[in-house]
Amino acid sequence: MIYQRSSQLFAEAEQVIPGGVNSPVRAFKGVGGTPLFAKSAQGAYLYDEDDNRLIDYINSWGPMILGHAFQPVVDAVIEKAKKGTSFGMPTELETQIARLAISMVPNIDKIRFVNSGTEACMSAIRLARGYTKRDKIIKFAGCYHGHSDSFLIAAGSGLSTFGVPNSPGVTQGTAKDTLLAHYNDIDNVKALFEANANEIAAIIIEPVAGNMGCVPPAAGFLQALREICDANNALLIFDEVMTGFRLAKGGAQELYGVTADIVCFGKVIGGGLPVGAFAARNEIMNHLAPLGPVYQAGTLSGNPLAMAAGLAMLETLNNDTAVYQRLEEKTAYLQQGIDRVLRENNIVFTINRVGSMISVHFDAHPVVDFQTAKNGDNDTFKKFFHGLLQEGVYIAPSAYETWFITDALTYDDLDFTINAVAKVAQTL
């Protein structure tokens, strides 16, 4: 495939946009080369500016669960745009999508819409701190909750050491209130609570990690977190920006039978438009302004175009009782096919999958946390990525990102992908 137009556009973008991109992973720094510039998309396919057609396994990092340009969403946005694109006032749509989301997700009474997953997680942490009147939070290495200061923290040494900033611009004062734990290590979490008794407001976690590749929670891990929070009067926050409305109607809470105190949403809930949300029981949500003292606001929150897109998406998922079974079956088929052809070519690998989230790690050992994810052979991944790209298959340009499967994929698309993996495997 030829990417002449994309290369030209990237060179132009670098002159006026830092790194030529508005989100770092798009720059292909993790795999090398020049990023593609999208021209259009339909169903399971992307078309770049050189008119190459690619089977898409990023799907805008998750929201295109029913495919690109899904007609009910497109129609809803067009019709709403004809009546105005933003009002800065309440609309009936906000109540409609709120009521539907609450009916689909366990253990929530109220929801507030924001403009991104970052805003949702940032607001959830503020709410947890205001509700508990405590300052510290626990996050897990390898879990990404957006780029607000509280979350850009790397590990210190020792179980009770404060975090240190992972990005310039994040102050030590902010970092000291974020404690870093190891994913799937419940003893590590217990030790942090023991070392910081009566100081921890909340645990925030991706119930299925998607930012170190797909990493499932170990059996009983989420339930153990629930029990620790209950025992220590702390809140459990599920960042379901990726998993919400994707792994099940009720997200990871429904899938694993574990309820969180606050749940954060994004991706699917916006139908492809910029939307986030956070939700909880009445007693927690009523601490938010204007009812309570915890301030959170957003001029464009509840934007009518975004609400129309999200409502059309959630209505479809709510009414299509077989969609999650189809996604499960398609992703399992893809997993089995990739597993077979990589084994036939004697490639060292492991595959993680939960529902329609899947990732290939080039390491023979189980990938259970960020440290084991980092053990993968990144040079092999780079060859794998570019090899698939040349075959017309677009996966995430990072070894630390999950793939997202869309219901728009046909079994012919899946077979094409498996055959492409077989061809690339011969070159690894």
Protein backbone atom coordinates (compact mmCIF):
# COMPACT_ATOMS: atom_id res chain seq x y z
CA MET A 1 0.00 0.00 0.00
CA ILE A 2 1.08 3.57 -0.70
CA TYR A 3 0.73 6.30 1.92
CA GLN A 4 2.01 9.30 -0.03
CA ARG A 5 -0.90 11.61 0.78
CA SER A 6 -0.83 10.72 4.49
CA SER A 7 2.91 11.42 4.62
CA GLN A 8 2.39 14.81 3.01
CA LEU A 9 -0.44 15.70 5.39
CA PHE A 10 1.60 14.62 8.41
CA ALA A 11 4.48 16.86 7.36
CA GLU A 12 2.05 19.76 7.06
CA ALA A 13 0.45 19.00 10.41
CA GLU A 14 3.81 18.95 12.19
CA GLN A 15 4.22 22.62 11.31
CA VAL A 16 1.12 23.73 13.20
CA ILE A 17 0.22 20.92 15.68
CA PRO A 18 2.66 19.57 18.32
CA GLY A 19 4.00 16.32 16.93
CA GLY A 20 1.52 16.61 14.08
CA VAL A 21 -1.27 15.03 16.15
CA ASN A 22 -3.85 16.01 18.74
CA SER A 23 -3.38 12.83 20.79
CA PRO A 24 0.10 11.28 21.16
CA VAL A 25 -0.61 7.62 20.32
CA ARG A 26 -1.71 8.68 16.83
CA ALA A 27 1.86 9.73 16.01
CA PHE A 28 3.06 6.10 15.59
CA LYS A 29 5.91 6.71 18.03
CA GLY A 30 5.36 3.23 19.47
CA VAL A 31 5.73 1.50 16.10
CA GLY A 32 7.67 3.92 13.91
CA GLY A 33 6.69 5.29 10.56
CA THR A 34 4.18 7.89 9.48
CA PRO A 35 0.59 7.89 10.77
CA LEU A 36 -2.32 7.43 8.43
CA PHE A 37 -4.80 10.24 7.88
CA ALA A 38 -8.41 9.07 7.77
CA LYS A 39 -10.65 10.24 4.95
CA SER A 40 -13.84 8.31 5.68
CA ALA A 41 -15.17 5.14 7.25
CA GLN A 42 -18.14 2.85 6.81
CA GLY A 43 -19.06 -0.24 8.77
CA ALA A 44 -15.92 -2.22 9.55
CA TYR A 45 -13.70 -0.29 7.14
CA LEU A 46 -11.49 2.78 7.21
CA TYR A 47 -10.44 4.67 4.09
CA ASP A 48 -7.31 6.80 4.32
CA GLU A 49 -6.33 9.85 2.25
CA ASP A 50 -4.59 7.57 -0.26
CA ASP A 51 -7.87 5.67 -0.68
CA ASN A 52 -6.53 2.50 0.92
CA ARG A 53 -9.25 0.38 2.50
CA LEU A 54 -8.40 -1.06 5.91
CA ILE A 55 -10.28 -3.44 8.19
CA ASP A 56 -10.46 -1.41 11.38
CA TYR A 57 -9.72 -2.93 14.80
CA ILE A 58 -9.39 0.42 16.61
CA ASN A 59 -12.90 1.68 15.92
CA SER A 60 -12.11 5.16 17.23
CA TRP A 61 -10.67 3.44 20.34
CA GLY A 62 -13.93 1.73 21.17
CA PRO A 63 -17.12 3.68 20.48
CA MET A 64 -17.87 2.23 17.04
CA ILE A 65 -19.25 -0.97 18.53
CA LEU A 66 -21.85 -1.21 15.73
CA GLY A 67 -19.58 0.07 12.97
CA HIS A 68 -18.60 3.40 11.46
CA ALA A 69 -21.32 5.74 10.19
CA PHE A 70 -23.99 3.61 11.87
CA GLN A 71 -27.13 4.87 10.20
CA PRO A 72 -29.38 5.48 13.25
CA VAL A 73 -26.61 7.56 14.84
CA VAL A 74 -25.94 9.51 11.64
CA ASP A 75 -29.63 10.22 11.16
CA ALA A 76 -30.08 11.33 14.76
CA VAL A 77 -27.15 13.76 14.56
CA ILE A 78 -28.29 15.24 11.23
CA GLU A 79 -31.83 15.80 12.43
CA LYS A 80 -30.68 17.38 15.68
CA ALA A 81 -28.11 19.61 13.94
CA LYS A 82 -30.90 21.11 11.82
CA LYS A 83 -32.45 22.44 15.02
CA GLY A 84 -29.28 23.91 16.51
CA THR A 85 -25.89 22.58 17.52
CA SER A 86 -25.55 23.96 21.06
CA PHE A 87 -27.74 25.88 23.48
CA GLY A 88 -26.03 26.06 26.86
CA MET A 89 -29.44 25.18 28.28
CA PRO A 90 -31.08 21.94 29.43
CA THR A 91 -32.71 19.76 26.78
CA GLU A 92 -35.17 16.88 27.00
CA LEU A 93 -32.59 14.66 25.29
CA GLU A 94 -30.34 14.79 28.35
CA THR A 95 -33.08 13.34 30.52
CA GLN A 96 -33.93 10.69 27.94
CA ILE A 97 -30.41 9.33 27.62
CA ALA A 98 -29.86 9.61 31.38
CA ARG A 99 -32.99 7.56 32.06
CA LEU A 100 -31.96 4.92 29.53
CA ALA A 101 -28.38 4.64 30.81
CA ILE A 102 -29.57 4.30 34.40
CA SER A 103 -31.97 1.53 33.37
CA MET A 104 -29.14 -0.41 31.68
CA VAL A 105 -26.44 -0.12 34.35
CA PRO A 106 -26.63 -1.68 37.83
CA ASN A 107 -26.40 0.35 41.02
CA ILE A 108 -26.72 3.91 39.70
CA ASP A 109 -29.49 6.44 40.39
CA LYS A 110 -28.16 9.59 38.75
CA ILE A 111 -25.72 10.39 35.98
CA ARG A 112 -23.96 13.56 34.88
CA PHE A 113 -22.70 14.05 31.34
CA VAL A 114 -19.37 15.67 30.52
CA ASN A 115 -17.32 15.97 27.34
CA SER A 116 -14.70 13.22 27.67
CA GLY A 117 -13.58 10.22 29.66
CA THR A 118 -10.83 12.36 31.17
CA GLU A 119 -13.43 14.78 32.53
CA ALA A 120 -15.53 11.91 33.85
CA CYS A 121 -12.67 10.33 35.81
CA MET A 122 -11.37 13.67 37.07
CA SER A 123 -14.85 14.58 38.30
CA ALA A 124 -15.39 11.17 39.88
CA ILE A 125 -12.23 11.56 41.94
CA ARG A 126 -13.24 15.02 43.10
CA LEU A 127 -16.67 13.71 44.05
CA ALA A 128 -15.15 10.78 45.96
CA ARG A 129 -12.86 13.08 47.88
CA GLY A 130 -15.68 15.48 48.67
CA TYR A 131 -17.99 12.67 49.76
CA THR A 132 -15.46 10.88 51.99
CA LYS A 133 -13.59 14.01 53.13
CA ARG A 134 -10.32 12.20 52.42
CA ASP A 135 -7.55 13.14 50.01
CA LYS A 136 -5.72 10.04 48.81
CA ILE A 137 -6.66 7.72 45.99
CA ILE A 138 -5.28 4.41 44.77
CA LYS A 139 -4.75 3.83 41.06
CA PHE A 140 -3.09 0.92 39.30
CA ALA A 141 0.07 0.96 37.22
CA GLY A 142 -0.86 0.62 33.57
CA CYS A 143 -4.43 1.84 34.00
CA TYR A 144 -5.13 5.08 32.14
CA HIS A 145 -7.87 7.38 33.38
CA GLY A 146 -7.20 10.39 31.20
CA HIS A 147 -4.55 13.06 31.44
CA SER A 148 -5.65 14.99 34.53
CA ASP A 149 -2.85 15.55 37.03
CA SER A 150 -4.00 13.02 39.63
CA PHE A 151 -3.63 10.14 37.17
CA LEU A 152 -0.25 10.85 35.57
CA ILE A 153 1.65 9.17 38.38
CA ALA A 154 4.40 6.53 38.28
CA ALA A 155 5.46 4.17 41.06
CA GLY A 156 7.71 5.10 43.94
CA SER A 157 9.77 2.52 45.80
CA GLY A 158 8.17 0.55 48.59
CA LEU A 159 4.55 -0.23 49.27
CA SER A 160 3.71 2.97 51.12
CA THR A 161 5.83 5.42 49.13
CA PHE A 162 3.97 8.32 47.59
CA GLY A 163 3.70 8.43 43.82
CA VAL A 164 5.95 10.67 41.77
CA PRO A 165 4.85 12.67 38.72
CA ASN A 166 5.04 10.85 35.42
CA SER A 167 4.83 14.05 33.37
CA PRO A 168 6.40 17.49 33.72
CA GLY A 169 3.75 19.91 34.86
CA VAL A 170 2.32 17.57 37.48
CA THR A 171 3.25 18.91 40.89
CA GLN A 172 4.63 16.91 43.79
CA GLY A 173 1.72 18.23 45.84
CA THR A 174 -0.72 16.50 43.49
CA ALA A 175 1.37 13.36 43.22
CA LYS A 176 1.59 12.80 46.96
CA ASP A 177 -2.12 12.03 47.16
CA THR A 178 -2.03 9.31 44.50
CA LEU A 179 -0.90 5.86 45.61
CA LEU A 180 0.15 3.36 42.97
CA ALA A 181 -0.84 -0.31 43.19
CA HIS A 182 -0.13 -3.37 41.06
CA TYR A 183 -3.02 -4.64 38.97
CA ASN A 184 -4.29 -8.06 40.08
CA ASP A 185 -2.26 -7.90 43.33
CA ILE A 186 -4.72 -7.71 46.19
CA ASP A 187 -2.01 -7.99 48.89
CA ASN A 188 -0.40 -4.85 47.50
CA VAL A 189 -3.71 -3.00 47.81
CA LYS A 190 -4.19 -4.19 51.39
CA ALA A 191 -0.70 -2.97 52.28
CA LEU A 192 -1.48 0.50 50.91
CA PHE A 193 -4.61 0.72 53.06
CA GLU A 194 -2.67 -0.40 56.12
CA ALA A 195 0.02 2.21 55.52
CA ASN A 196 -2.53 4.98 54.91
CA ALA A 197 -5.27 4.20 57.41
CA ASN A 198 -8.35 6.46 57.21
CA GLU A 199 -6.75 8.57 54.47
CA ILE A 200 -7.86 6.84 51.26
CA ALA A 201 -10.97 8.22 49.58
CA ALA A 202 -11.23 5.76 46.72
CA ILE A 203 -9.78 3.11 44.49
CA ILE A 204 -10.10 3.80 40.77
CA ILE A 205 -9.57 0.97 38.32
CA GLU A 206 -10.25 -0.15 34.79
CA PRO A 207 -12.19 -3.34 35.65
CA VAL A 208 -10.77 -4.79 32.45
CA ALA A 209 -7.56 -2.97 31.63
CA GLY A 210 -7.27 -1.73 28.07
CA ASN A 211 -4.20 0.49 28.21
CA MET A 212 -1.57 -2.21 28.72
CA GLY A 213 -3.21 -4.31 26.08
CA CYS A 214 -6.29 -6.16 27.21
CA VAL A 215 -5.67 -7.45 30.75
CA PRO A 216 -8.56 -9.19 32.53
CA PRO A 217 -9.02 -9.03 36.30
CA ALA A 218 -7.93 -12.20 38.08
CA ALA A 219 -10.70 -14.35 39.52
CA GLY A 220 -12.02 -12.67 42.67
CA PHE A 221 -9.86 -9.55 42.31
CA LEU A 222 -12.66 -7.06 41.74
CA GLN A 223 -14.75 -8.62 44.53
CA ALA A 224 -11.78 -8.34 46.88
CA LEU A 225 -11.44 -4.64 46.02
CA ARG A 226 -15.14 -4.22 46.83
CA GLU A 227 -14.61 -5.85 50.22
CA ILE A 228 -11.53 -3.76 51.02
CA CYS A 229 -13.37 -0.53 50.20
CA ASP A 230 -16.34 -1.56 52.35
CA ALA A 231 -14.06 -2.42 55.27
CA ASN A 232 -12.25 0.93 55.05
CA ASN A 233 -15.17 3.25 54.21
CA ALA A 234 -13.60 4.06 50.84
CA LEU A 235 -15.33 4.24 47.47
CA LEU A 236 -14.73 1.91 44.55
CA ILE A 237 -14.66 3.68 41.17
CA PHE A 238 -14.91 1.68 37.96
CA ASP A 239 -13.50 3.49 34.96
CA GLU A 240 -15.78 1.94 32.35
CA VAL A 241 -14.89 4.40 29.61
CA MET A 242 -13.82 1.39 27.52
CA THR A 243 -15.91 -1.40 29.01
CA GLY A 244 -19.18 0.44 29.59
CA PHE A 245 -21.96 -0.71 27.24
CA ARG A 246 -19.32 -2.78 25.37
CA LEU A 247 -18.81 -5.91 27.47
CA ALA A 248 -22.49 -6.07 28.41
CA LYS A 249 -25.44 -3.69 28.63
CA GLY A 250 -24.41 -2.99 32.20
CA GLY A 251 -20.70 -3.11 31.46
CA ALA A 252 -18.14 -4.80 33.70
CA GLN A 253 -20.39 -4.46 36.75
CA GLU A 254 -22.91 -6.75 35.07
CA LEU A 255 -20.28 -9.06 33.57
CA TYR A 256 -18.46 -9.69 36.85
CA GLY A 257 -21.30 -9.19 39.30
CA VAL A 258 -19.41 -6.55 41.27
CA THR A 259 -20.94 -3.13 41.96
CA ALA A 260 -18.89 0.04 42.08
CA ASP A 261 -19.78 3.21 44.00
CA ILE A 262 -19.04 5.53 41.08
CA VAL A 263 -18.88 4.51 37.42
CA CYS A 264 -17.24 6.52 34.64
CA PHE A 265 -18.32 6.26 31.01
CA GLY A 266 -17.18 7.44 27.58
CA LYS A 267 -16.72 5.91 24.12
CA VAL A 268 -19.93 3.97 23.39
CA ILE A 269 -22.13 6.28 25.46
CA GLY A 270 -21.43 9.05 22.94
CA GLY A 271 -22.01 7.03 19.81
CA GLY A 272 -18.72 8.33 18.42
CA LEU A 273 -19.09 11.95 19.49
CA PRO A 274 -17.10 13.47 22.38
CA VAL A 275 -19.06 12.42 25.48
CA GLY A 276 -18.22 11.21 28.96
CA ALA A 277 -20.31 10.67 32.05
CA PHE A 278 -20.08 9.60 35.68
CA ALA A 279 -22.81 8.05 37.75
CA ALA A 280 -23.53 6.79 41.26
CA ARG A 281 -26.22 6.29 43.88
CA ASN A 282 -28.29 9.26 45.03
CA GLU A 283 -26.45 9.69 48.30
CA ILE A 284 -23.17 10.23 46.41
CA MET A 285 -24.42 12.16 43.38
CA ASN A 286 -26.39 14.57 45.56
CA HIS A 287 -23.05 15.96 46.79
CA LEU A 288 -22.60 17.57 43.36
CA ALA A 289 -23.44 21.22 42.72
CA PRO A 290 -26.05 22.60 42.55
CA LEU A 291 -27.40 20.17 45.17
CA GLY A 292 -24.20 19.85 47.16
CA PRO A 293 -20.80 21.45 47.72
CA VAL A 294 -18.68 19.50 45.17
CA TYR A 295 -18.35 21.74 42.14
CA GLN A 296 -18.32 20.41 38.57
CA ALA A 297 -19.43 22.20 35.43
CA GLY A 298 -19.11 22.24 31.65
CA THR A 299 -20.43 24.76 29.15
CA LEU A 300 -20.87 22.16 26.41
CA SER A 301 -21.83 19.24 28.67
CA GLY A 302 -24.98 17.56 27.39
CA ASN A 303 -24.40 18.93 23.89
CA PRO A 304 -27.52 18.04 21.84
CA LEU A 305 -25.60 16.45 18.97
CA ALA A 306 -23.66 14.24 21.36
CA MET A 307 -26.79 13.34 23.30
CA ALA A 308 -28.63 12.44 20.09
CA ALA A 309 -25.76 10.19 18.97
CA GLY A 310 -25.48 8.52 22.36
CA LEU A 311 -29.20 7.96 22.70
CA ALA A 312 -29.43 6.34 19.26
CA MET A 313 -26.51 4.06 20.12
CA LEU A 314 -27.81 3.00 23.53
CA GLU A 315 -31.34 2.42 22.22
CA THR A 316 -29.97 0.05 19.60
CA LEU A 317 -27.83 -1.86 22.11
CA ASN A 318 -30.71 -2.03 24.56
CA ASN A 319 -33.14 -3.38 21.98
CA ASP A 320 -30.83 -5.79 20.16
CA THR A 321 -30.76 -8.67 22.61
CA ALA A 322 -28.29 -10.72 20.54
CA VAL A 323 -25.63 -8.08 19.89
CA TYR A 324 -23.35 -9.03 22.78
CA GLN A 325 -23.52 -12.72 21.89
CA ARG A 326 -22.56 -11.88 18.29
CA LEU A 327 -19.63 -9.79 19.48
CA GLU A 328 -18.49 -12.57 21.80
CA GLU A 329 -18.66 -15.16 19.01
CA LYS A 330 -16.87 -13.01 16.45
CA THR A 331 -14.07 -12.09 18.82
CA ALA A 332 -13.65 -15.71 19.96
CA TYR A 333 -13.47 -16.77 16.29
CA LEU A 334 -10.77 -14.17 15.66
CA GLN A 335 -8.84 -15.25 18.74
CA GLN A 336 -8.93 -18.92 17.76
CA GLY A 337 -7.78 -18.13 14.24
CA ILE A 338 -4.88 -15.92 15.29
CA ASP A 339 -3.86 -18.44 17.95
CA ARG A 340 -3.78 -21.21 15.34
CA VAL A 341 -1.71 -19.41 12.71
CA LEU A 342 0.81 -17.99 15.18
CA ARG A 343 1.34 -21.45 16.66
CA GLU A 344 1.77 -22.93 13.20
CA ASN A 345 4.57 -20.42 12.61
CA ASN A 346 6.23 -21.05 15.99
CA ILE A 347 5.70 -17.48 17.20
CA VAL A 348 6.06 -16.84 20.93
CA PHE A 349 2.88 -15.08 22.06
CA THR A 350 -0.08 -14.96 24.41
CA ILE A 351 -3.56 -13.61 23.68
CA ASN A 352 -5.80 -11.89 26.22
CA ARG A 353 -9.50 -11.43 25.57
CA VAL A 354 -12.63 -10.31 27.39
CA GLY A 355 -15.75 -10.08 25.26
CA SER A 356 -15.01 -7.84 22.28
CA MET A 357 -11.67 -6.59 23.66
CA ILE A 358 -8.58 -8.55 22.60
CA SER A 359 -4.82 -8.11 22.33
CA VAL A 360 -1.80 -10.11 21.17
CA HIS A 361 1.30 -9.98 23.39
CA PHE A 362 4.59 -11.32 22.04
CA ASP A 363 5.65 -13.10 25.20
CA ALA A 364 5.13 -16.69 26.32
CA HIS A 365 4.17 -15.80 29.88
CA PRO A 366 0.74 -14.68 31.13
CA VAL A 367 0.13 -10.92 30.92
CA VAL A 368 -1.58 -9.98 34.19
CA ASP A 369 -0.35 -6.45 34.93
CA PHE A 370 1.70 -3.58 33.53
CA GLN A 371 5.04 -5.16 34.39
CA THR A 372 4.27 -8.39 32.55
CA ALA A 373 2.82 -6.40 29.65
CA LYS A 374 6.15 -4.59 29.33
CA ASN A 375 7.96 -7.92 28.97
CA GLY A 376 6.57 -8.40 25.48
CA ASP A 377 8.86 -8.23 22.43
CA ASN A 378 8.13 -4.76 21.11
CA ASP A 379 10.34 -5.19 18.03
CA THR A 380 8.20 -8.13 16.98
CA PHE A 381 5.07 -6.10 17.61
CA LYS A 382 6.33 -3.31 15.35
CA LYS A 383 6.89 -5.79 12.51
CA PHE A 384 3.49 -7.32 13.21
CA PHE A 385 1.76 -3.94 13.11
CA HIS A 386 3.36 -2.76 9.86
CA GLY A 387 2.95 -6.17 8.26
CA LEU A 388 -0.78 -6.16 8.96
CA LEU A 389 -1.04 -2.58 7.74
CA GLN A 390 0.43 -3.59 4.39
CA GLU A 391 -2.11 -6.41 4.22
CA GLY A 392 -4.99 -3.98 4.82
CA VAL A 393 -5.59 -4.57 8.53
CA TYR A 394 -5.37 -1.66 10.99
CA ILE A 395 -4.70 -2.48 14.65
CA ALA A 396 -3.72 -0.11 17.44
CA PRO A 397 -0.26 1.42 16.79
CA SER A 398 0.94 0.43 20.25
CA ALA A 399 1.67 -2.84 22.01
CA TYR A 400 -0.10 -1.40 25.05
CA GLU A 401 -3.56 -0.90 23.55
CA THR A 402 -6.44 -3.29 23.21
CA TRP A 403 -8.19 -4.01 19.92
CA PHE A 404 -11.92 -3.25 19.76
CA ILE A 405 -14.20 -5.51 17.74
CA THR A 406 -17.25 -4.14 15.96
CA ASP A 407 -20.44 -5.99 15.12
CA ALA A 408 -20.06 -4.68 11.55
CA LEU A 409 -17.25 -7.19 10.95
CA THR A 410 -18.29 -10.14 8.82
CA TYR A 411 -16.79 -13.61 9.08
CA ASP A 412 -15.17 -12.94 5.70
CA ASP A 413 -13.46 -9.93 7.31
CA LEU A 414 -12.31 -12.11 10.19
CA ASP A 415 -10.98 -14.79 7.82
CA PHE A 416 -9.17 -12.09 5.82
CA THR A 417 -7.59 -10.86 9.06
CA ILE A 418 -6.54 -14.35 10.15
CA ASN A 419 -4.99 -14.99 6.73
CA ALA A 420 -3.17 -11.65 6.96
CA VAL A 421 -1.77 -12.65 10.36
CA ALA A 422 -0.60 -15.94 8.83
CA LYS A 423 1.26 -14.10 6.06
CA VAL A 424 2.87 -11.66 8.49
CA ALA A 425 3.80 -14.45 10.91
CA GLN A 426 6.04 -15.96 8.23
CA THR A 427 8.15 -12.79 8.30
CA LEU A 428 8.49 -12.39 12.08
